[in-house]
């Protein structure tokens, strides 16, 4: 990783910490939707925004090394 990339993103640990925080916040929203009385107002947000983002962030955290390798390979070909 170059110094510019490290400075721009804050380094690997900070990126992972931000991903985890976003994932946890989305998970808390889902729990609030399931257990809060009268959470019908959250239904559309949970169904169309929060759950897809939660799934995508989970898969991204799980497959992050493969995604980075693929991005490097595509950058070097371009």
Protein backbone atom coordinates (compact mmCIF):
# COMPACT_ATOMS: atom_id res chain seq x y z
CA UNK A 1 0.00 0.00 0.00
CA UNK A 2 1.37 3.37 -0.90
CA UNK A 3 1.69 6.26 1.50
CA UNK A 4 -0.95 8.23 -0.42
CA UNK A 5 -3.49 5.40 -0.15
CA UNK A 6 -2.75 4.94 3.54
CA UNK A 7 -3.19 8.65 4.20
CA UNK A 8 -6.38 8.84 2.17
CA UNK A 9 -8.18 5.90 3.79
CA UNK A 10 -6.61 6.02 7.22
CA UNK A 11 -4.98 2.61 7.02
CA UNK A 12 -6.34 -0.91 7.14
CA UNK A 13 -7.36 -0.98 10.78
CA UNK A 14 -9.35 2.25 10.50
CA UNK A 15 -11.12 1.01 7.38
CA UNK A 16 -12.06 -2.25 9.09
CA UNK A 17 -13.22 -0.36 12.18
CA UNK A 18 -15.47 1.85 10.04
CA UNK A 19 -16.88 -1.17 8.22
CA UNK A 20 -17.62 -2.92 11.50
CA UNK A 21 -19.27 0.18 12.94
CA UNK A 22 -21.52 0.60 9.90
CA UNK A 23 -22.40 -3.10 10.02
CA UNK A 24 -23.27 -2.89 13.73
CA UNK A 25 -25.40 0.23 13.28
CA UNK A 26 -27.36 -1.47 10.51
CA UNK A 27 -27.78 -4.55 12.71
CA UNK A 28 -29.09 -2.42 15.56
CA UNK A 29 -31.63 -0.86 13.18
CA UNK A 30 -32.85 -4.33 12.21
CA UNK A 31 -33.14 -5.37 15.87
CA UNK A 32 -35.08 -2.16 16.61
CA UNK A 33 -37.42 -2.94 13.71
CA UNK A 34 -38.05 -6.47 14.93
CA UNK A 35 -38.48 -5.75 18.64
CA UNK A 36 -39.78 -2.17 18.84
CA UNK A 37 -43.54 -1.78 19.07
CA UNK A 38 -45.02 0.21 16.20
CA UNK A 39 -41.94 -0.04 14.02
CA UNK A 40 -44.02 0.05 10.82
CA UNK A 41 -42.38 3.37 9.95
CA UNK A 42 -39.04 1.56 9.62
CA UNK A 43 -40.41 -1.18 7.40
CA UNK A 44 -39.52 0.33 4.01
CA UNK A 45 -36.09 1.51 5.19
CA UNK A 46 -35.23 -1.88 6.64
CA UNK A 47 -36.51 -3.83 3.65
CA UNK A 48 -35.01 -1.75 0.85
CA UNK A 49 -31.95 -0.04 2.36
CA UNK A 50 -30.70 -1.46 5.64
CA UNK A 51 -30.91 -5.22 4.98
CA UNK A 52 -29.21 -5.03 1.54
CA UNK A 53 -26.48 -2.80 2.98
CA UNK A 54 -26.09 -5.13 5.96
CA UNK A 55 -25.71 -8.14 3.67
CA UNK A 56 -23.29 -6.31 1.35
CA UNK A 57 -21.12 -5.05 4.20
CA UNK A 58 -21.00 -8.52 5.76
CA UNK A 59 -19.92 -10.14 2.50
CA UNK A 60 -17.42 -7.34 1.85
CA UNK A 61 -15.80 -7.78 5.29
CA UNK A 62 -15.73 -11.55 4.78
CA UNK A 63 -14.21 -11.41 1.30
CA UNK A 64 -12.12 -8.24 1.67
CA UNK A 65 -8.72 -9.83 0.81
CA UNK A 66 -10.12 -11.30 -2.42
CA UNK A 67 -11.75 -7.99 -3.35
CA UNK A 68 -8.44 -6.15 -2.84
CA UNK A 69 -6.54 -8.67 -4.97
CA UNK A 70 -9.13 -8.40 -7.74
CA UNK A 71 -8.99 -4.58 -7.63
CA UNK A 72 -5.18 -4.64 -7.85
CA UNK A 73 -5.29 -7.04 -10.79
CA UNK A 74 -7.85 -4.89 -12.63
CA UNK A 75 -5.84 -1.72 -11.94
CA UNK A 76 -2.65 -3.25 -13.28
CA UNK A 77 -4.41 -4.35 -16.49
CA UNK A 78 -5.89 -0.91 -17.18
